[in-house]
Amino acid sequence: MPRPEAIDVPVPGLMCFGCSASNQYGLQLNFFKRGHQVFTEFTPSEFLQGWFGAVHGGVLSTLIDELANFTVAGLLRRIGVTRDLQVHFRRPLYVNEPITMVGVLGEQKKSLVTVKCELSSARGDLCCEGEATVFLLERQQFERMIPGGQIPVALTPFFPLG
């Protein structure tokens, strides 16, 4: 079995709620790839709960959104934005307990990629499933989205030439 490889999307000063180590209020997620999967483990703090110690559904949706986009970045070496997100809550996940997150690519049609995501408890129970449609951005589209229109040099490998 191949060793996991860290997925690094280096952007100095990025304050992403999901992945930035600089955002003290964020989730600070780190993702890895092995073969055709992207994965991570995350232990939510008590500040992320809804009812009686269960992780808030909005937080679980955010985890799936972030996992979907890192699955695209890690396996396709592309930057995208979420177009659609469907989440199916099967069982509660609880704060202060590790959540295993796994993403795999599904169908790709032109600039749209489907990503299937699963969140499981420390016991191995599948608790939350999601499917995201990620729109792959071209360089010019991304430049229009960001302040100043200048793509950080570290992100240029995520955009096809041309």
N, C-alpha and C. Protein backbone atom coordinates (compact mmCIF):
# COMPACT_ATOMS: atom_id res chain seq x y z
N MET A 1 0.85 -1.18 0.00
CA MET A 1 0.00 0.00 0.00
C MET A 1 0.90 1.24 0.00
N PRO A 2 0.64 2.19 -0.91
CA PRO A 2 1.47 3.40 -0.95
C PRO A 2 1.32 4.25 0.31
N ARG A 3 2.39 4.96 0.66
CA ARG A 3 2.36 5.85 1.81
C ARG A 3 1.48 7.06 1.50
N PRO A 4 0.81 7.59 2.51
CA PRO A 4 0.01 8.79 2.28
C PRO A 4 0.91 9.98 1.93
N GLU A 5 0.40 10.82 1.05
CA GLU A 5 1.12 12.02 0.63
C GLU A 5 0.29 13.24 1.03
N ALA A 6 0.93 14.18 1.72
CA ALA A 6 0.23 15.40 2.13
C ALA A 6 -0.15 16.21 0.90
N ILE A 7 -1.35 16.80 0.94
CA ILE A 7 -1.81 17.69 -0.12
C ILE A 7 -1.56 19.10 0.35
N ASP A 8 -0.66 19.77 -0.33
CA ASP A 8 -0.28 21.12 0.07
C ASP A 8 -0.78 22.11 -0.97
N VAL A 9 -1.61 23.03 -0.53
CA VAL A 9 -2.07 24.12 -1.38
C VAL A 9 -1.58 25.40 -0.70
N PRO A 10 -0.31 25.75 -0.93
CA PRO A 10 0.33 26.82 -0.16
C PRO A 10 -0.09 28.22 -0.61
N VAL A 11 -0.75 28.93 0.27
CA VAL A 11 -1.14 30.30 -0.02
C VAL A 11 -0.83 31.15 1.21
N PRO A 12 0.26 31.90 1.18
CA PRO A 12 0.60 32.75 2.33
C PRO A 12 -0.51 33.73 2.65
N GLY A 13 -0.85 33.82 3.92
CA GLY A 13 -1.86 34.77 4.37
C GLY A 13 -3.29 34.32 4.18
N LEU A 14 -3.51 33.14 3.63
CA LEU A 14 -4.87 32.64 3.43
C LEU A 14 -5.54 32.42 4.79
N MET A 15 -6.78 32.85 4.91
CA MET A 15 -7.52 32.71 6.17
C MET A 15 -8.72 31.79 6.00
N CYS A 16 -8.61 30.79 5.17
CA CYS A 16 -9.72 29.86 4.92
C CYS A 16 -10.18 29.24 6.23
N PHE A 17 -11.48 29.23 6.47
CA PHE A 17 -12.05 28.65 7.68
C PHE A 17 -11.76 27.16 7.75
N GLY A 18 -11.73 26.48 6.63
CA GLY A 18 -11.54 25.04 6.63
C GLY A 18 -10.11 24.59 6.77
N CYS A 19 -9.19 25.21 6.02
CA CYS A 19 -7.84 24.63 5.93
C CYS A 19 -6.69 25.50 6.43
N SER A 20 -6.90 26.76 6.66
CA SER A 20 -5.77 27.63 6.99
C SER A 20 -5.27 27.41 8.41
N ALA A 21 -3.98 27.18 8.53
CA ALA A 21 -3.36 27.09 9.85
C ALA A 21 -3.28 28.46 10.50
N SER A 22 -3.44 29.52 9.70
CA SER A 22 -3.38 30.89 10.22
C SER A 22 -4.68 31.35 10.86
N ASN A 23 -5.77 30.65 10.59
CA ASN A 23 -7.07 31.06 11.11
C ASN A 23 -7.33 30.37 12.45
N GLN A 24 -7.12 31.12 13.52
CA GLN A 24 -7.27 30.53 14.86
C GLN A 24 -8.70 30.09 15.17
N TYR A 25 -9.67 30.60 14.44
CA TYR A 25 -11.07 30.22 14.66
C TYR A 25 -11.53 29.12 13.71
N GLY A 26 -10.66 28.72 12.79
CA GLY A 26 -11.02 27.75 11.76
C GLY A 26 -10.77 26.31 12.17
N LEU A 27 -11.01 25.42 11.23
CA LEU A 27 -10.89 23.99 11.47
C LEU A 27 -9.45 23.49 11.31
N GLN A 28 -8.63 24.19 10.55
CA GLN A 28 -7.21 23.88 10.35
C GLN A 28 -7.00 22.44 9.87
N LEU A 29 -7.77 22.05 8.87
CA LEU A 29 -7.71 20.70 8.33
C LEU A 29 -6.46 20.49 7.47
N ASN A 30 -5.89 19.31 7.55
CA ASN A 30 -4.79 18.87 6.69
C ASN A 30 -5.25 17.61 5.98
N PHE A 31 -5.00 17.54 4.68
CA PHE A 31 -5.48 16.42 3.88
C PHE A 31 -4.32 15.63 3.30
N PHE A 32 -4.59 14.35 3.03
CA PHE A 32 -3.60 13.43 2.50
C PHE A 32 -4.25 12.62 1.39
N LYS A 33 -3.40 12.14 0.47
CA LYS A 33 -3.93 11.25 -0.57
C LYS A 33 -3.15 9.94 -0.54
N ARG A 34 -3.88 8.90 -0.86
CA ARG A 34 -3.29 7.57 -1.02
C ARG A 34 -4.07 6.90 -2.13
N GLY A 35 -3.39 6.61 -3.20
CA GLY A 35 -4.07 6.00 -4.34
C GLY A 35 -5.14 6.93 -4.89
N HIS A 36 -6.38 6.46 -4.92
CA HIS A 36 -7.49 7.23 -5.49
C HIS A 36 -8.38 7.86 -4.42
N GLN A 37 -7.83 8.00 -3.21
CA GLN A 37 -8.60 8.58 -2.11
C GLN A 37 -7.87 9.76 -1.49
N VAL A 38 -8.67 10.68 -0.98
CA VAL A 38 -8.15 11.76 -0.15
C VAL A 38 -8.79 11.57 1.22
N PHE A 39 -8.00 11.80 2.27
CA PHE A 39 -8.52 11.54 3.61
C PHE A 39 -7.88 12.45 4.63
N THR A 40 -8.52 12.50 5.79
CA THR A 40 -7.97 13.16 6.96
C THR A 40 -8.75 12.68 8.18
N GLU A 41 -8.25 13.05 9.32
CA GLU A 41 -8.97 12.81 10.57
C GLU A 41 -9.08 14.16 11.27
N PHE A 42 -10.22 14.39 11.88
CA PHE A 42 -10.49 15.67 12.55
C PHE A 42 -11.26 15.39 13.82
N THR A 43 -10.84 16.04 14.91
CA THR A 43 -11.56 15.92 16.18
C THR A 43 -12.18 17.28 16.50
N PRO A 44 -13.50 17.40 16.36
CA PRO A 44 -14.16 18.69 16.60
C PRO A 44 -14.20 19.03 18.08
N SER A 45 -14.00 20.30 18.37
CA SER A 45 -14.04 20.78 19.75
C SER A 45 -15.49 21.00 20.19
N GLU A 46 -15.66 21.22 21.45
CA GLU A 46 -17.00 21.44 22.02
C GLU A 46 -17.66 22.69 21.46
N PHE A 47 -16.88 23.61 20.88
CA PHE A 47 -17.44 24.84 20.32
C PHE A 47 -18.16 24.61 18.99
N LEU A 48 -18.09 23.38 18.48
CA LEU A 48 -18.69 23.06 17.19
C LEU A 48 -19.93 22.18 17.32
N GLN A 49 -20.53 22.18 18.50
CA GLN A 49 -21.68 21.29 18.72
C GLN A 49 -23.01 21.98 18.47
N GLY A 50 -23.97 21.12 18.18
CA GLY A 50 -25.37 21.51 18.08
C GLY A 50 -26.04 20.99 19.35
N TRP A 51 -26.91 20.02 19.17
CA TRP A 51 -27.64 19.45 20.30
C TRP A 51 -26.79 18.46 21.09
N PHE A 52 -26.69 18.65 22.41
CA PHE A 52 -26.20 17.67 23.37
C PHE A 52 -24.93 16.95 22.94
N GLY A 53 -23.94 17.69 22.51
CA GLY A 53 -22.64 17.11 22.19
C GLY A 53 -22.48 16.60 20.78
N ALA A 54 -23.54 16.63 19.99
CA ALA A 54 -23.42 16.22 18.58
C ALA A 54 -22.82 17.38 17.78
N VAL A 55 -21.97 17.04 16.82
CA VAL A 55 -21.39 18.06 15.96
C VAL A 55 -22.51 18.70 15.14
N HIS A 56 -22.49 20.02 15.05
CA HIS A 56 -23.50 20.77 14.31
C HIS A 56 -23.51 20.35 12.84
N GLY A 57 -24.69 20.22 12.26
CA GLY A 57 -24.82 19.80 10.87
C GLY A 57 -24.15 20.74 9.89
N GLY A 58 -24.13 22.03 10.20
CA GLY A 58 -23.44 22.98 9.33
C GLY A 58 -21.94 22.75 9.31
N VAL A 59 -21.39 22.32 10.44
CA VAL A 59 -19.96 22.00 10.51
C VAL A 59 -19.68 20.74 9.69
N LEU A 60 -20.55 19.74 9.80
CA LEU A 60 -20.37 18.52 9.01
C LEU A 60 -20.45 18.83 7.51
N SER A 61 -21.35 19.71 7.13
CA SER A 61 -21.46 20.11 5.73
C SER A 61 -20.19 20.83 5.27
N THR A 62 -19.64 21.65 6.15
CA THR A 62 -18.38 22.34 5.84
C THR A 62 -17.24 21.34 5.67
N LEU A 63 -17.19 20.33 6.52
CA LEU A 63 -16.16 19.29 6.38
C LEU A 63 -16.26 18.61 5.02
N ILE A 64 -17.47 18.31 4.59
CA ILE A 64 -17.66 17.66 3.29
C ILE A 64 -17.27 18.60 2.15
N ASP A 65 -17.63 19.85 2.26
CA ASP A 65 -17.27 20.85 1.24
C ASP A 65 -15.75 20.95 1.11
N GLU A 66 -15.07 21.04 2.22
CA GLU A 66 -13.61 21.17 2.21
C GLU A 66 -12.95 19.89 1.68
N LEU A 67 -13.45 18.74 2.11
CA LEU A 67 -12.94 17.46 1.63
C LEU A 67 -13.11 17.34 0.12
N ALA A 68 -14.25 17.74 -0.40
CA ALA A 68 -14.51 17.65 -1.84
C ALA A 68 -13.49 18.47 -2.62
N ASN A 69 -13.24 19.68 -2.18
CA ASN A 69 -12.31 20.55 -2.91
C ASN A 69 -10.87 20.08 -2.78
N PHE A 70 -10.50 19.52 -1.65
CA PHE A 70 -9.14 18.97 -1.52
C PHE A 70 -9.00 17.65 -2.28
N THR A 71 -10.09 16.93 -2.46
CA THR A 71 -10.04 15.73 -3.29
C THR A 71 -9.72 16.13 -4.73
N VAL A 72 -10.35 17.19 -5.20
CA VAL A 72 -10.07 17.71 -6.54
C VAL A 72 -8.63 18.22 -6.62
N ALA A 73 -8.20 19.00 -5.65
CA ALA A 73 -6.84 19.54 -5.66
C ALA A 73 -5.80 18.43 -5.59
N GLY A 74 -6.06 17.45 -4.74
CA GLY A 74 -5.07 16.39 -4.54
C GLY A 74 -4.99 15.38 -5.66
N LEU A 75 -6.13 15.04 -6.24
CA LEU A 75 -6.13 13.99 -7.26
C LEU A 75 -6.08 14.52 -8.69
N LEU A 76 -6.61 15.70 -8.92
CA LEU A 76 -6.61 16.28 -10.27
C LEU A 76 -5.62 17.43 -10.41
N ARG A 77 -5.07 17.90 -9.29
CA ARG A 77 -4.18 19.08 -9.29
C ARG A 77 -4.87 20.28 -9.94
N ARG A 78 -6.11 20.52 -9.51
CA ARG A 78 -6.89 21.65 -10.00
C ARG A 78 -7.54 22.36 -8.82
N ILE A 79 -7.86 23.62 -9.02
CA ILE A 79 -8.59 24.43 -8.05
C ILE A 79 -10.03 24.54 -8.55
N GLY A 80 -10.97 24.35 -7.63
CA GLY A 80 -12.37 24.46 -8.00
C GLY A 80 -13.17 25.16 -6.92
N VAL A 81 -14.43 25.36 -7.21
CA VAL A 81 -15.38 25.89 -6.24
C VAL A 81 -16.60 24.99 -6.24
N THR A 82 -17.24 24.87 -5.10
CA THR A 82 -18.39 24.00 -4.97
C THR A 82 -19.60 24.62 -5.68
N ARG A 83 -20.20 23.86 -6.56
CA ARG A 83 -21.41 24.31 -7.25
C ARG A 83 -22.65 23.78 -6.54
N ASP A 84 -22.63 22.51 -6.19
CA ASP A 84 -23.74 21.87 -5.50
C ASP A 84 -23.19 21.01 -4.37
N LEU A 85 -23.98 20.89 -3.31
CA LEU A 85 -23.57 20.05 -2.19
C LEU A 85 -24.81 19.38 -1.61
N GLN A 86 -24.77 18.06 -1.56
CA GLN A 86 -25.85 17.29 -0.93
C GLN A 86 -25.25 16.54 0.25
N VAL A 87 -25.94 16.59 1.37
CA VAL A 87 -25.45 15.93 2.58
C VAL A 87 -26.55 15.05 3.14
N HIS A 88 -26.18 13.84 3.49
CA HIS A 88 -27.12 12.89 4.11
C HIS A 88 -26.59 12.55 5.50
N PHE A 89 -27.32 12.96 6.52
CA PHE A 89 -26.94 12.70 7.91
C PHE A 89 -27.55 11.37 8.34
N ARG A 90 -26.72 10.37 8.60
CA ARG A 90 -27.20 9.04 8.99
C ARG A 90 -27.26 8.87 10.50
N ARG A 91 -26.17 9.25 11.17
CA ARG A 91 -26.05 9.12 12.62
C ARG A 91 -25.29 10.33 13.13
N PRO A 92 -25.46 10.67 14.39
CA PRO A 92 -24.69 11.80 14.91
C PRO A 92 -23.20 11.47 15.05
N LEU A 93 -22.41 12.49 14.87
CA LEU A 93 -20.99 12.46 15.21
C LEU A 93 -20.84 13.40 16.40
N TYR A 94 -19.91 13.09 17.29
CA TYR A 94 -19.83 13.82 18.55
C TYR A 94 -18.54 14.61 18.70
N VAL A 95 -18.65 15.72 19.43
CA VAL A 95 -17.48 16.55 19.70
C VAL A 95 -16.48 15.74 20.54
N ASN A 96 -15.24 16.11 20.44
CA ASN A 96 -14.13 15.48 21.15
C ASN A 96 -13.92 14.02 20.78
N GLU A 97 -14.50 13.58 19.65
CA GLU A 97 -14.28 12.23 19.12
C GLU A 97 -13.79 12.36 17.68
N PRO A 98 -12.76 11.61 17.31
CA PRO A 98 -12.22 11.74 15.95
C PRO A 98 -13.21 11.34 14.87
N ILE A 99 -13.17 12.09 13.79
CA ILE A 99 -13.98 11.81 12.60
C ILE A 99 -13.00 11.48 11.47
N THR A 100 -13.21 10.35 10.82
CA THR A 100 -12.40 9.99 9.65
C THR A 100 -13.16 10.44 8.42
N MET A 101 -12.47 11.15 7.54
CA MET A 101 -13.08 11.72 6.35
C MET A 101 -12.39 11.14 5.11
N VAL A 102 -13.18 10.65 4.15
CA VAL A 102 -12.63 10.07 2.92
C VAL A 102 -13.39 10.61 1.72
N GLY A 103 -12.63 11.07 0.71
CA GLY A 103 -13.23 11.57 -0.53
C GLY A 103 -12.68 10.83 -1.73
N VAL A 104 -13.55 10.56 -2.70
CA VAL A 104 -13.15 9.93 -3.97
C VAL A 104 -13.82 10.67 -5.12
N LEU A 105 -13.13 10.69 -6.24
CA LEU A 105 -13.69 11.32 -7.43
C LEU A 105 -14.78 10.46 -8.03
N GLY A 106 -15.80 11.12 -8.55
CA GLY A 106 -16.85 10.44 -9.29
C GLY A 106 -16.75 10.85 -10.75
N GLU A 107 -17.89 11.11 -11.33
CA GLU A 107 -17.98 11.45 -12.75
C GLU A 107 -17.40 12.84 -13.03
N GLN A 108 -16.75 12.97 -14.18
CA GLN A 108 -16.27 14.28 -14.62
C GLN A 108 -16.81 14.55 -16.01
N LYS A 109 -17.49 15.72 -16.12
CA LYS A 109 -18.00 16.18 -17.41
C LYS A 109 -17.49 17.59 -17.63
N LYS A 110 -16.57 17.73 -18.55
CA LYS A 110 -15.94 19.01 -18.86
C LYS A 110 -15.39 19.64 -17.59
N SER A 111 -15.95 20.76 -17.16
CA SER A 111 -15.40 21.46 -16.00
C SER A 111 -16.12 21.12 -14.70
N LEU A 112 -16.99 20.11 -14.70
CA LEU A 112 -17.70 19.71 -13.49
C LEU A 112 -17.24 18.32 -13.03
N VAL A 113 -16.91 18.21 -11.75
CA VAL A 113 -16.46 16.95 -11.18
C VAL A 113 -17.33 16.62 -9.97
N THR A 114 -17.80 15.39 -9.91
CA THR A 114 -18.55 14.92 -8.75
C THR A 114 -17.58 14.28 -7.78
N VAL A 115 -17.73 14.60 -6.50
CA VAL A 115 -16.89 14.01 -5.46
C VAL A 115 -17.80 13.38 -4.41
N LYS A 116 -17.51 12.14 -4.07
CA LYS A 116 -18.27 11.43 -3.05
C LYS A 116 -17.46 11.44 -1.76
N CYS A 117 -18.12 11.81 -0.66
CA CYS A 117 -17.45 11.99 0.62
C CYS A 117 -18.14 11.18 1.71
N GLU A 118 -17.34 10.66 2.63
CA GLU A 118 -17.87 9.93 3.77
C GLU A 118 -17.20 10.40 5.04
N LEU A 119 -18.00 10.57 6.09
CA LEU A 119 -17.50 10.89 7.42
C LEU A 119 -17.88 9.74 8.34
N SER A 120 -16.89 9.17 9.01
CA SER A 120 -17.13 8.01 9.88
C SER A 120 -16.65 8.29 11.29
N SER A 121 -17.31 7.62 12.23
CA SER A 121 -16.95 7.76 13.65
C SER A 121 -15.69 6.96 13.96
N ALA A 122 -15.17 7.16 15.17
CA ALA A 122 -13.99 6.42 15.62
C ALA A 122 -14.28 4.92 15.66
N ARG A 123 -15.54 4.55 15.78
CA ARG A 123 -15.93 3.13 15.79
C ARG A 123 -16.03 2.55 14.39
N GLY A 124 -15.89 3.40 13.38
CA GLY A 124 -15.98 2.94 12.01
C GLY A 124 -17.36 3.01 11.41
N ASP A 125 -18.31 3.59 12.13
CA ASP A 125 -19.68 3.73 11.61
C ASP A 125 -19.74 4.87 10.59
N LEU A 126 -20.35 4.61 9.43
CA LEU A 126 -20.60 5.66 8.45
C LEU A 126 -21.72 6.53 9.01
N CYS A 127 -21.41 7.79 9.27
CA CYS A 127 -22.38 8.68 9.92
C CYS A 127 -22.91 9.78 9.02
N CYS A 128 -22.13 10.17 8.03
CA CYS A 128 -22.53 11.28 7.18
C CYS A 128 -21.95 11.05 5.79
N GLU A 129 -22.79 11.22 4.78
CA GLU A 129 -22.35 11.09 3.39
C GLU A 129 -22.63 12.38 2.66
N GLY A 130 -21.80 12.68 1.69
CA GLY A 130 -22.04 13.87 0.89
C GLY A 130 -21.60 13.66 -0.54
N GLU A 131 -22.22 14.43 -1.40
CA GLU A 131 -21.80 14.44 -2.80
C GLU A 131 -21.74 15.90 -3.22
N ALA A 132 -20.59 16.29 -3.72
CA ALA A 132 -20.39 17.67 -4.16
C ALA A 132 -20.11 17.68 -5.65
N THR A 133 -20.62 18.70 -6.31
CA THR A 133 -20.23 18.98 -7.68
C THR A 133 -19.29 20.18 -7.61
N VAL A 134 -18.08 19.97 -8.07
CA VAL A 134 -17.05 21.02 -8.02
C VAL A 134 -16.81 21.53 -9.43
N PHE A 135 -16.86 22.84 -9.57
CA PHE A 135 -16.59 23.50 -10.85
C PHE A 135 -15.11 23.81 -10.91
N LEU A 136 -14.42 23.25 -11.92
CA LEU A 136 -12.98 23.49 -12.09
C LEU A 136 -12.76 24.86 -12.70
N LEU A 137 -11.98 25.65 -12.01
CA LEU A 137 -11.73 27.02 -12.48
C LEU A 137 -10.58 27.08 -13.47
N GLU A 138 -10.74 27.89 -14.48
CA GLU A 138 -9.64 28.23 -15.37
C GLU A 138 -8.91 29.41 -14.74
N ARG A 139 -7.69 29.61 -15.16
CA ARG A 139 -6.85 30.67 -14.59
C ARG A 139 -7.55 32.04 -14.61
N GLN A 140 -8.15 32.40 -15.74
CA GLN A 140 -8.78 33.72 -15.87
C GLN A 140 -9.97 33.86 -14.92
N GLN A 141 -10.71 32.79 -14.72
CA GLN A 141 -11.85 32.84 -13.79
C GLN A 141 -11.36 33.08 -12.36
N PHE A 142 -10.31 32.38 -11.99
CA PHE A 142 -9.77 32.53 -10.64
C PHE A 142 -9.21 33.94 -10.44
N GLU A 143 -8.53 34.45 -11.44
CA GLU A 143 -7.97 35.81 -11.35
C GLU A 143 -9.06 36.84 -11.10
N ARG A 144 -10.24 36.64 -11.71
CA ARG A 144 -11.35 37.59 -11.50
C ARG A 144 -11.95 37.47 -10.10
N MET A 145 -11.78 36.32 -9.46
CA MET A 145 -12.37 36.09 -8.14
C MET A 145 -11.54 36.66 -6.99
N ILE A 146 -10.24 36.78 -7.18
CA ILE A 146 -9.39 37.13 -6.05
C ILE A 146 -9.01 38.61 -6.07
N PRO A 147 -8.86 39.20 -4.89
CA PRO A 147 -8.48 40.62 -4.81
C PRO A 147 -7.15 40.87 -5.53
N GLY A 148 -7.14 41.86 -6.35
CA GLY A 148 -5.93 42.21 -7.08
C GLY A 148 -5.72 41.38 -8.34
N GLY A 149 -6.46 40.30 -8.48
CA GLY A 149 -6.39 39.49 -9.69
C GLY A 149 -5.08 38.77 -9.92
N GLN A 150 -4.24 38.68 -8.90
CA GLN A 150 -2.93 38.05 -9.06
C GLN A 150 -2.90 36.70 -8.35
N ILE A 151 -2.74 35.63 -9.13
CA ILE A 151 -2.68 34.28 -8.56
C ILE A 151 -1.33 34.11 -7.87
N PRO A 152 -1.32 33.67 -6.60
CA PRO A 152 -0.04 33.40 -5.94
C PRO A 152 0.77 32.37 -6.74
N VAL A 153 2.07 32.60 -6.86
CA VAL A 153 2.94 31.75 -7.66
C VAL A 153 2.80 30.28 -7.25
N ALA A 154 2.63 30.02 -5.97
CA ALA A 154 2.52 28.63 -5.49
C ALA A 154 1.30 27.91 -6.05
N LEU A 155 0.30 28.66 -6.51
CA LEU A 155 -0.92 28.02 -7.04
C LEU A 155 -0.89 27.81 -8.55
N THR A 156 0.09 28.37 -9.25
CA THR A 156 0.10 28.24 -10.71
C THR A 156 0.10 26.80 -11.21
N PRO A 157 0.70 25.82 -10.50
CA PRO A 157 0.63 24.44 -11.00
C PRO A 157 -0.79 23.86 -11.00
N PHE A 158 -1.73 24.51 -10.34
CA PHE A 158 -3.11 24.00 -10.28
C PHE A 158 -3.97 24.48 -11.45
N PHE A 159 -3.35 25.23 -12.37
CA PHE A 159 -4.09 25.72 -13.53
C PHE A 159 -3.42 25.23 -14.79
N PRO A 160 -4.20 24.65 -15.71
CA PRO A 160 -3.61 24.17 -16.95
C PRO A 160 -3.07 25.32 -17.77
N LEU A 161 -2.02 25.05 -18.53
CA LEU A 161 -1.45 26.06 -19.41
C LEU A 161 -2.40 26.32 -20.56
N GLY A 162 -2.37 27.56 -21.01
CA GLY A 162 -3.19 27.87 -22.18
C GLY A 162 -4.26 28.85 -21.96
